[in-house]
């Protein structure tokens, strides 16, 4: 009550509002995003559900980052080369979800260079007569904290 006497315009309602702002603001800053990718993309090709990026647009994008999930779908025939990494472990990892995709013909299917804090979730590794590597780590790269699970083929 001493605070209210010192500052007559300070009310309990304003105090509660200030507390909620402080508690909820960080959540909005770190909100995870979902992006979508197909071989050729479509529509506006902005990575949204109805307008997925093409593989080339995804490879060039700096948008996905820690906490985000990128969903790949369909028949992927180009090498997937992420331009970004996650920013830490746990909820700060960048998740690349291939569970609705078949990776075909590219050599390698996925190329990682100097990437960290990635989770690669399985898809199907399709036929390849080139003796392709499924996942390639570039020479002299310092990739670390990468989890790979669930791929079949």
N, C-alpha and C. Protein backbone atom coordinates (compact mmCIF):
# COMPACT_ATOMS: atom_id res chain seq x y z
N UNK A 1 0.80 -1.19 0.00
CA UNK A 1 0.00 0.00 0.00
C UNK A 1 0.85 1.26 0.00
N UNK A 2 2.06 1.16 0.49
CA UNK A 2 2.95 2.31 0.49
C UNK A 2 3.22 2.78 -0.93
N UNK A 3 3.36 1.82 -1.85
CA UNK A 3 3.59 2.14 -3.26
C UNK A 3 2.40 2.92 -3.83
N UNK A 4 1.20 2.50 -3.46
CA UNK A 4 0.01 3.18 -3.98
C UNK A 4 -0.11 4.59 -3.41
N UNK A 5 0.34 4.82 -2.19
CA UNK A 5 0.30 6.16 -1.63
C UNK A 5 1.32 7.05 -2.32
N UNK A 6 2.49 6.46 -2.68
CA UNK A 6 3.53 7.23 -3.33
C UNK A 6 3.14 7.55 -4.77
N UNK A 7 2.51 6.60 -5.44
CA UNK A 7 2.10 6.77 -6.83
C UNK A 7 0.60 6.51 -6.94
N UNK A 8 -0.22 7.55 -6.79
CA UNK A 8 -1.68 7.36 -6.75
C UNK A 8 -2.25 6.78 -8.04
N UNK A 9 -1.57 6.88 -9.17
CA UNK A 9 -2.11 6.34 -10.43
C UNK A 9 -1.78 4.86 -10.60
N UNK A 10 -0.95 4.32 -9.72
CA UNK A 10 -0.59 2.91 -9.79
C UNK A 10 -1.71 2.09 -9.15
N UNK A 11 -2.31 1.17 -9.90
CA UNK A 11 -3.42 0.37 -9.38
C UNK A 11 -3.06 -1.10 -9.45
N UNK A 12 -3.82 -1.91 -8.77
CA UNK A 12 -3.62 -3.36 -8.80
C UNK A 12 -3.80 -3.89 -10.22
N UNK A 13 -4.75 -3.32 -10.95
CA UNK A 13 -5.01 -3.75 -12.32
C UNK A 13 -3.78 -3.51 -13.20
N UNK A 14 -3.14 -2.35 -13.03
CA UNK A 14 -1.93 -2.05 -13.80
C UNK A 14 -0.79 -2.96 -13.39
N UNK A 15 -0.70 -3.29 -12.11
CA UNK A 15 0.35 -4.19 -11.63
C UNK A 15 0.20 -5.57 -12.25
N UNK A 16 -1.02 -6.07 -12.30
CA UNK A 16 -1.27 -7.38 -12.90
C UNK A 16 -0.96 -7.35 -14.39
N UNK A 17 -1.36 -6.30 -15.06
CA UNK A 17 -1.05 -6.16 -16.49
C UNK A 17 0.44 -6.14 -16.76
N UNK A 18 1.19 -5.43 -15.92
CA UNK A 18 2.64 -5.36 -16.09
C UNK A 18 3.27 -6.73 -15.87
N UNK A 19 2.79 -7.46 -14.86
CA UNK A 19 3.32 -8.81 -14.60
C UNK A 19 3.04 -9.74 -15.76
N UNK A 20 1.83 -9.72 -16.30
CA UNK A 20 1.49 -10.56 -17.45
C UNK A 20 2.34 -10.22 -18.66
N UNK A 21 2.59 -8.94 -18.90
CA UNK A 21 3.43 -8.53 -20.02
C UNK A 21 4.83 -9.11 -19.87
N UNK A 22 5.40 -8.99 -18.69
CA UNK A 22 6.76 -9.48 -18.44
C UNK A 22 6.81 -10.99 -18.60
N UNK A 23 5.78 -11.70 -18.15
CA UNK A 23 5.77 -13.15 -18.24
C UNK A 23 5.51 -13.66 -19.66
N UNK A 24 4.64 -13.01 -20.40
CA UNK A 24 4.24 -13.50 -21.71
C UNK A 24 5.07 -12.96 -22.86
N UNK A 25 5.69 -11.81 -22.71
CA UNK A 25 6.46 -11.23 -23.80
C UNK A 25 7.57 -12.14 -24.29
N UNK A 26 8.37 -12.77 -23.41
CA UNK A 26 9.42 -13.64 -23.91
C UNK A 26 8.89 -14.80 -24.73
N UNK A 27 7.69 -15.30 -24.42
CA UNK A 27 7.13 -16.40 -25.20
C UNK A 27 6.87 -15.99 -26.64
N UNK A 28 6.43 -14.78 -26.86
CA UNK A 28 6.16 -14.35 -28.23
C UNK A 28 7.44 -14.13 -29.01
N UNK A 29 8.52 -13.76 -28.33
CA UNK A 29 9.80 -13.55 -29.00
C UNK A 29 10.38 -14.87 -29.50
N UNK A 30 10.16 -15.94 -28.73
CA UNK A 30 10.76 -17.22 -29.06
C UNK A 30 9.76 -18.20 -29.65
N UNK A 31 8.67 -17.72 -30.21
CA UNK A 31 7.67 -18.60 -30.79
C UNK A 31 8.26 -19.35 -31.97
N UNK A 32 8.05 -20.65 -31.98
CA UNK A 32 8.57 -21.48 -33.07
C UNK A 32 7.71 -21.31 -34.31
N UNK A 33 8.35 -21.43 -35.45
CA UNK A 33 7.65 -21.34 -36.73
C UNK A 33 7.71 -22.68 -37.45
N UNK A 34 6.74 -22.92 -38.30
CA UNK A 34 6.72 -24.10 -39.16
C UNK A 34 6.86 -23.64 -40.60
N UNK A 35 7.71 -24.34 -41.34
CA UNK A 35 7.92 -24.07 -42.76
C UNK A 35 7.70 -25.36 -43.53
N UNK A 36 7.36 -25.22 -44.82
CA UNK A 36 7.03 -26.37 -45.64
C UNK A 36 7.83 -26.31 -46.94
N UNK A 37 8.28 -27.50 -47.39
CA UNK A 37 9.14 -27.58 -48.57
C UNK A 37 8.72 -28.76 -49.44
N UNK A 38 8.62 -28.53 -50.75
CA UNK A 38 8.45 -29.60 -51.73
C UNK A 38 9.54 -29.42 -52.79
N UNK A 39 9.67 -30.37 -53.68
CA UNK A 39 10.73 -30.28 -54.69
C UNK A 39 10.65 -28.96 -55.47
N UNK A 40 9.46 -28.61 -55.96
CA UNK A 40 9.33 -27.43 -56.82
C UNK A 40 8.68 -26.24 -56.16
N UNK A 41 8.15 -26.41 -54.94
CA UNK A 41 7.43 -25.31 -54.31
C UNK A 41 6.13 -25.06 -55.04
N UNK A 42 5.35 -24.09 -54.56
CA UNK A 42 4.12 -23.72 -55.27
C UNK A 42 3.58 -22.40 -54.74
N UNK A 43 2.66 -21.84 -55.51
CA UNK A 43 2.02 -20.59 -55.11
C UNK A 43 3.05 -19.49 -54.89
N UNK A 44 2.95 -18.83 -53.76
CA UNK A 44 3.87 -17.74 -53.43
C UNK A 44 5.25 -18.25 -53.03
N UNK A 45 5.35 -19.55 -52.77
CA UNK A 45 6.61 -20.20 -52.38
C UNK A 45 7.31 -19.44 -51.26
N UNK A 46 6.53 -19.15 -50.20
CA UNK A 46 7.09 -18.42 -49.06
C UNK A 46 7.31 -19.31 -47.84
N UNK A 47 7.18 -20.63 -48.01
CA UNK A 47 7.40 -21.56 -46.92
C UNK A 47 6.18 -21.83 -46.06
N UNK A 48 5.06 -21.19 -46.39
CA UNK A 48 3.82 -21.42 -45.65
C UNK A 48 3.19 -22.73 -46.09
N UNK A 49 2.25 -23.24 -45.31
CA UNK A 49 1.62 -24.53 -45.61
C UNK A 49 1.07 -24.60 -47.03
N UNK A 50 0.34 -23.62 -47.48
CA UNK A 50 -0.24 -23.65 -48.82
C UNK A 50 0.69 -23.13 -49.91
N UNK A 51 1.85 -22.64 -49.51
CA UNK A 51 2.81 -22.07 -50.46
C UNK A 51 4.24 -22.52 -50.11
N UNK A 52 4.48 -23.83 -50.24
CA UNK A 52 5.78 -24.33 -49.80
C UNK A 52 6.95 -23.79 -50.63
N UNK A 53 8.11 -23.72 -49.98
CA UNK A 53 9.34 -23.39 -50.68
C UNK A 53 9.71 -24.52 -51.61
N UNK A 54 10.46 -24.21 -52.65
CA UNK A 54 11.15 -25.24 -53.42
C UNK A 54 12.41 -25.61 -52.64
N UNK A 55 13.05 -26.71 -53.02
CA UNK A 55 14.32 -27.08 -52.37
C UNK A 55 15.33 -25.96 -52.54
N UNK A 56 15.42 -25.38 -53.74
CA UNK A 56 16.38 -24.30 -53.98
C UNK A 56 16.10 -23.09 -53.09
N UNK A 57 14.83 -22.72 -52.94
CA UNK A 57 14.48 -21.58 -52.09
C UNK A 57 14.79 -21.88 -50.62
N UNK A 58 14.49 -23.11 -50.18
CA UNK A 58 14.82 -23.48 -48.80
C UNK A 58 16.33 -23.42 -48.58
N UNK A 59 17.09 -23.99 -49.49
CA UNK A 59 18.55 -24.02 -49.34
C UNK A 59 19.13 -22.60 -49.23
N UNK A 60 18.48 -21.64 -49.83
CA UNK A 60 18.97 -20.25 -49.81
C UNK A 60 18.40 -19.42 -48.66
N UNK A 61 17.41 -19.96 -47.94
CA UNK A 61 16.71 -19.16 -46.94
C UNK A 61 17.47 -19.08 -45.62
N UNK A 62 17.43 -17.91 -45.02
CA UNK A 62 18.01 -17.72 -43.69
C UNK A 62 16.93 -17.70 -42.62
N UNK A 63 15.69 -17.98 -42.97
CA UNK A 63 14.58 -17.89 -42.01
C UNK A 63 14.54 -19.01 -40.98
N UNK A 64 14.55 -20.28 -41.32
CA UNK A 64 14.40 -21.27 -40.24
C UNK A 64 15.58 -21.16 -39.28
N UNK A 65 15.28 -21.23 -38.00
CA UNK A 65 16.33 -21.12 -36.99
C UNK A 65 15.94 -21.98 -35.79
N UNK A 66 16.65 -21.85 -34.72
CA UNK A 66 16.40 -22.66 -33.54
C UNK A 66 14.96 -22.60 -33.09
N UNK A 67 14.38 -23.76 -32.82
CA UNK A 67 12.99 -23.86 -32.39
C UNK A 67 12.01 -24.07 -33.52
N UNK A 68 12.43 -23.83 -34.76
CA UNK A 68 11.55 -23.99 -35.92
C UNK A 68 11.56 -25.43 -36.41
N UNK A 69 10.51 -25.79 -37.14
CA UNK A 69 10.42 -27.10 -37.79
C UNK A 69 10.17 -26.88 -39.28
N UNK A 70 10.94 -27.58 -40.10
CA UNK A 70 10.76 -27.53 -41.55
C UNK A 70 10.25 -28.90 -41.99
N UNK A 71 9.07 -28.92 -42.62
CA UNK A 71 8.44 -30.16 -43.07
C UNK A 71 8.67 -30.33 -44.57
N UNK A 72 9.28 -31.44 -44.95
CA UNK A 72 9.51 -31.77 -46.35
C UNK A 72 8.49 -32.82 -46.76
N UNK A 73 7.98 -32.71 -48.00
CA UNK A 73 7.02 -33.71 -48.46
C UNK A 73 7.19 -33.97 -49.95
N UNK A 74 6.72 -35.15 -50.35
CA UNK A 74 6.77 -35.54 -51.75
C UNK A 74 8.10 -36.15 -52.13
N UNK A 75 8.33 -36.21 -53.44
CA UNK A 75 9.53 -36.81 -54.01
C UNK A 75 10.61 -35.72 -54.12
N UNK A 76 11.67 -35.84 -53.34
CA UNK A 76 12.74 -34.85 -53.33
C UNK A 76 13.90 -35.40 -54.15
N UNK A 77 14.26 -34.70 -55.23
CA UNK A 77 15.32 -35.17 -56.12
C UNK A 77 16.54 -34.26 -56.12
N UNK A 78 16.52 -33.20 -55.34
CA UNK A 78 17.66 -32.29 -55.23
C UNK A 78 18.29 -32.44 -53.86
N UNK A 79 19.56 -32.11 -53.74
CA UNK A 79 20.23 -32.17 -52.45
C UNK A 79 19.68 -31.09 -51.53
N UNK A 80 19.34 -31.49 -50.31
CA UNK A 80 18.89 -30.55 -49.28
C UNK A 80 20.14 -30.07 -48.54
N UNK A 81 20.37 -28.75 -48.58
CA UNK A 81 21.54 -28.15 -47.94
C UNK A 81 21.08 -27.01 -47.05
N UNK A 82 20.80 -27.29 -45.79
CA UNK A 82 20.31 -26.22 -44.90
C UNK A 82 21.30 -25.06 -44.81
N UNK A 83 20.78 -23.85 -44.86
CA UNK A 83 21.63 -22.67 -44.74
C UNK A 83 21.77 -22.22 -43.28
N UNK A 84 20.92 -22.77 -42.40
CA UNK A 84 20.90 -22.33 -41.01
C UNK A 84 21.03 -23.52 -40.06
N UNK A 85 21.26 -23.20 -38.81
CA UNK A 85 21.36 -24.20 -37.74
C UNK A 85 20.36 -23.87 -36.66
N UNK A 86 20.28 -24.76 -35.67
CA UNK A 86 19.56 -24.45 -34.46
C UNK A 86 20.44 -23.53 -33.62
N UNK A 87 19.91 -23.08 -32.49
CA UNK A 87 20.67 -22.16 -31.64
C UNK A 87 21.03 -22.77 -30.29
N UNK A 88 20.66 -24.03 -30.07
CA UNK A 88 20.98 -24.72 -28.83
C UNK A 88 20.23 -26.02 -28.76
N UNK A 89 20.41 -26.76 -27.67
CA UNK A 89 19.71 -28.04 -27.51
C UNK A 89 18.30 -27.83 -27.01
N UNK A 90 17.55 -28.93 -26.92
CA UNK A 90 16.17 -28.88 -26.44
C UNK A 90 15.28 -28.17 -27.46
N UNK A 91 14.51 -27.21 -27.00
CA UNK A 91 13.56 -26.51 -27.87
C UNK A 91 14.24 -25.52 -28.81
N UNK A 92 15.54 -25.38 -28.72
CA UNK A 92 16.27 -24.45 -29.60
C UNK A 92 16.88 -25.16 -30.81
N UNK A 93 16.59 -26.44 -30.97
CA UNK A 93 17.09 -27.18 -32.13
C UNK A 93 16.26 -26.82 -33.36
N UNK A 94 16.87 -26.89 -34.52
CA UNK A 94 16.15 -26.77 -35.79
C UNK A 94 15.79 -28.18 -36.21
N UNK A 95 14.50 -28.44 -36.43
CA UNK A 95 14.03 -29.77 -36.79
C UNK A 95 13.73 -29.81 -38.29
N UNK A 96 14.36 -30.75 -38.98
CA UNK A 96 14.07 -31.00 -40.39
C UNK A 96 13.32 -32.32 -40.45
N UNK A 97 12.03 -32.25 -40.76
CA UNK A 97 11.15 -33.41 -40.71
C UNK A 97 10.89 -33.93 -42.13
N UNK A 98 11.46 -35.09 -42.41
CA UNK A 98 11.34 -35.72 -43.73
C UNK A 98 10.34 -36.87 -43.72
N UNK A 99 9.52 -37.00 -42.68
CA UNK A 99 8.66 -38.18 -42.55
C UNK A 99 7.64 -38.31 -43.68
N UNK A 100 7.33 -37.23 -44.39
CA UNK A 100 6.39 -37.29 -45.52
C UNK A 100 7.11 -37.16 -46.86
N UNK A 101 8.41 -37.42 -46.86
CA UNK A 101 9.19 -37.25 -48.09
C UNK A 101 9.94 -38.53 -48.46
N UNK A 102 10.20 -38.67 -49.75
CA UNK A 102 11.09 -39.70 -50.26
C UNK A 102 12.25 -38.98 -50.92
N UNK A 103 13.46 -39.26 -50.45
CA UNK A 103 14.66 -38.63 -50.99
C UNK A 103 15.21 -39.53 -52.09
N UNK A 104 15.29 -39.00 -53.31
CA UNK A 104 15.71 -39.78 -54.48
C UNK A 104 16.79 -39.08 -55.28
N UNK A 105 17.62 -39.83 -55.89
CA UNK A 105 18.60 -39.48 -56.94
C UNK A 105 19.69 -38.50 -56.57
N UNK A 106 19.48 -37.54 -55.72
CA UNK A 106 20.53 -36.57 -55.42
C UNK A 106 21.71 -37.26 -54.74
N UNK A 107 22.89 -36.73 -54.92
CA UNK A 107 24.07 -37.28 -54.27
C UNK A 107 24.88 -36.14 -53.66
N UNK A 108 24.84 -35.95 -52.37
CA UNK A 108 24.11 -36.72 -51.35
C UNK A 108 22.66 -36.25 -51.26
N UNK A 109 21.87 -36.98 -50.49
CA UNK A 109 20.48 -36.56 -50.27
C UNK A 109 20.44 -35.28 -49.43
N UNK A 110 21.26 -35.28 -48.37
CA UNK A 110 21.32 -34.14 -47.45
C UNK A 110 22.79 -33.79 -47.24
N UNK A 111 23.13 -32.52 -47.37
CA UNK A 111 24.52 -32.08 -47.19
C UNK A 111 24.58 -31.07 -46.06
N UNK A 112 25.42 -31.36 -45.09
CA UNK A 112 25.57 -30.49 -43.93
C UNK A 112 27.00 -29.98 -43.86
N UNK A 113 27.16 -28.70 -43.68
CA UNK A 113 28.49 -28.10 -43.51
C UNK A 113 28.41 -27.04 -42.42
N UNK A 114 29.20 -27.23 -41.40
CA UNK A 114 29.24 -26.27 -40.29
C UNK A 114 27.86 -26.00 -39.70
N UNK A 115 27.12 -27.05 -39.45
CA UNK A 115 25.78 -26.93 -38.87
C UNK A 115 25.79 -27.51 -37.46
N UNK A 116 24.87 -27.02 -36.64
CA UNK A 116 24.78 -27.47 -35.26
C UNK A 116 23.33 -27.47 -34.80
N UNK A 117 23.06 -28.28 -33.81
CA UNK A 117 21.77 -28.34 -33.15
C UNK A 117 20.63 -28.61 -34.14
N UNK A 118 20.81 -29.66 -34.94
CA UNK A 118 19.80 -30.08 -35.90
C UNK A 118 19.23 -31.43 -35.47
N UNK A 119 17.95 -31.63 -35.72
CA UNK A 119 17.31 -32.93 -35.60
C UNK A 119 16.75 -33.28 -36.96
N UNK A 120 17.24 -34.38 -37.56
CA UNK A 120 16.76 -34.85 -38.85
C UNK A 120 15.85 -36.04 -38.58
N UNK A 121 14.56 -35.88 -38.88
CA UNK A 121 13.58 -36.93 -38.64
C UNK A 121 13.29 -37.66 -39.94
N UNK A 122 13.29 -38.98 -39.88
CA UNK A 122 13.27 -39.88 -41.01
C UNK A 122 12.23 -39.69 -42.07
N UNK A 123 12.61 -40.16 -43.19
CA UNK A 123 11.77 -40.27 -44.36
C UNK A 123 12.24 -41.52 -45.08
N UNK A 124 11.90 -41.65 -46.33
CA UNK A 124 12.31 -42.81 -47.10
C UNK A 124 13.48 -42.43 -48.00
N UNK A 125 14.52 -43.23 -47.96
CA UNK A 125 15.65 -43.04 -48.86
C UNK A 125 15.38 -43.90 -50.08
N UNK A 126 15.06 -43.26 -51.20
CA UNK A 126 14.67 -43.98 -52.40
C UNK A 126 15.86 -44.58 -53.13
N UNK A 127 15.55 -45.21 -54.24
CA UNK A 127 16.57 -45.87 -55.05
C UNK A 127 17.53 -44.85 -55.63
N UNK A 128 18.79 -45.27 -55.73
CA UNK A 128 19.81 -44.41 -56.30
C UNK A 128 20.90 -45.29 -56.87
N UNK A 129 21.12 -45.19 -58.17
CA UNK A 129 22.14 -46.01 -58.84
C UNK A 129 23.52 -45.38 -58.76
N UNK A 130 23.62 -44.22 -58.14
CA UNK A 130 24.89 -43.51 -58.11
C UNK A 130 25.75 -43.85 -56.89
N UNK A 131 25.27 -44.74 -56.02
CA UNK A 131 25.99 -45.02 -54.79
C UNK A 131 26.00 -43.80 -53.89
N UNK A 132 24.90 -43.10 -53.84
CA UNK A 132 24.83 -41.82 -53.11
C UNK A 132 24.99 -42.01 -51.62
N UNK A 133 25.54 -41.00 -50.99
CA UNK A 133 25.56 -40.92 -49.54
C UNK A 133 24.23 -40.34 -49.12
N UNK A 134 23.67 -40.89 -48.06
CA UNK A 134 22.41 -40.34 -47.56
C UNK A 134 22.64 -38.95 -47.00
N UNK A 135 23.64 -38.83 -46.12
CA UNK A 135 23.95 -37.55 -45.50
C UNK A 135 25.44 -37.34 -45.59
N UNK A 136 25.83 -36.17 -46.06
CA UNK A 136 27.23 -35.85 -46.22
C UNK A 136 27.60 -34.67 -45.33
N UNK A 137 28.73 -34.82 -44.65
CA UNK A 137 29.28 -33.71 -43.88
C UNK A 137 30.45 -33.18 -44.69
N UNK A 138 30.40 -31.91 -45.05
CA UNK A 138 31.43 -31.32 -45.91
C UNK A 138 32.81 -31.46 -45.28
N UNK A 139 33.82 -31.60 -46.14
CA UNK A 139 35.20 -31.69 -45.68
C UNK A 139 35.53 -30.50 -44.80
N UNK A 140 36.26 -30.78 -43.73
CA UNK A 140 36.74 -29.75 -42.80
C UNK A 140 35.61 -28.95 -42.15
N UNK A 141 34.40 -29.51 -42.12
CA UNK A 141 33.31 -28.79 -41.46
C UNK A 141 33.35 -29.10 -39.97
N UNK A 142 32.77 -28.23 -39.20
CA UNK A 142 32.74 -28.40 -37.75
C UNK A 142 31.30 -28.58 -37.27
N UNK A 143 30.56 -29.45 -37.93
CA UNK A 143 29.18 -29.72 -37.53
C UNK A 143 29.18 -30.48 -36.20
N UNK A 144 28.15 -30.21 -35.38
CA UNK A 144 28.04 -30.91 -34.10
C UNK A 144 26.60 -30.86 -33.60
N UNK A 145 26.30 -31.73 -32.65
CA UNK A 145 24.98 -31.81 -32.03
C UNK A 145 23.88 -32.02 -33.07
N UNK A 146 24.07 -33.05 -33.90
CA UNK A 146 23.10 -33.39 -34.94
C UNK A 146 22.54 -34.78 -34.63
N UNK A 147 21.21 -34.86 -34.58
CA UNK A 147 20.52 -36.11 -34.30
C UNK A 147 19.83 -36.58 -35.57
N UNK A 148 20.04 -37.85 -35.93
CA UNK A 148 19.44 -38.42 -37.13
C UNK A 148 18.66 -39.64 -36.69
N UNK A 149 17.35 -39.69 -37.04
CA UNK A 149 16.55 -40.84 -36.62
C UNK A 149 15.43 -41.13 -37.60
N UNK A 150 15.07 -42.41 -37.67
CA UNK A 150 13.87 -42.85 -38.35
C UNK A 150 13.89 -42.98 -39.86
N UNK A 151 15.04 -42.87 -40.51
CA UNK A 151 15.07 -43.01 -41.97
C UNK A 151 14.97 -44.48 -42.34
N UNK A 152 14.29 -44.75 -43.45
CA UNK A 152 14.17 -46.12 -43.95
C UNK A 152 14.52 -46.14 -45.42
N UNK A 153 14.77 -47.32 -45.95
CA UNK A 153 15.01 -47.39 -47.38
C UNK A 153 16.04 -48.39 -47.75
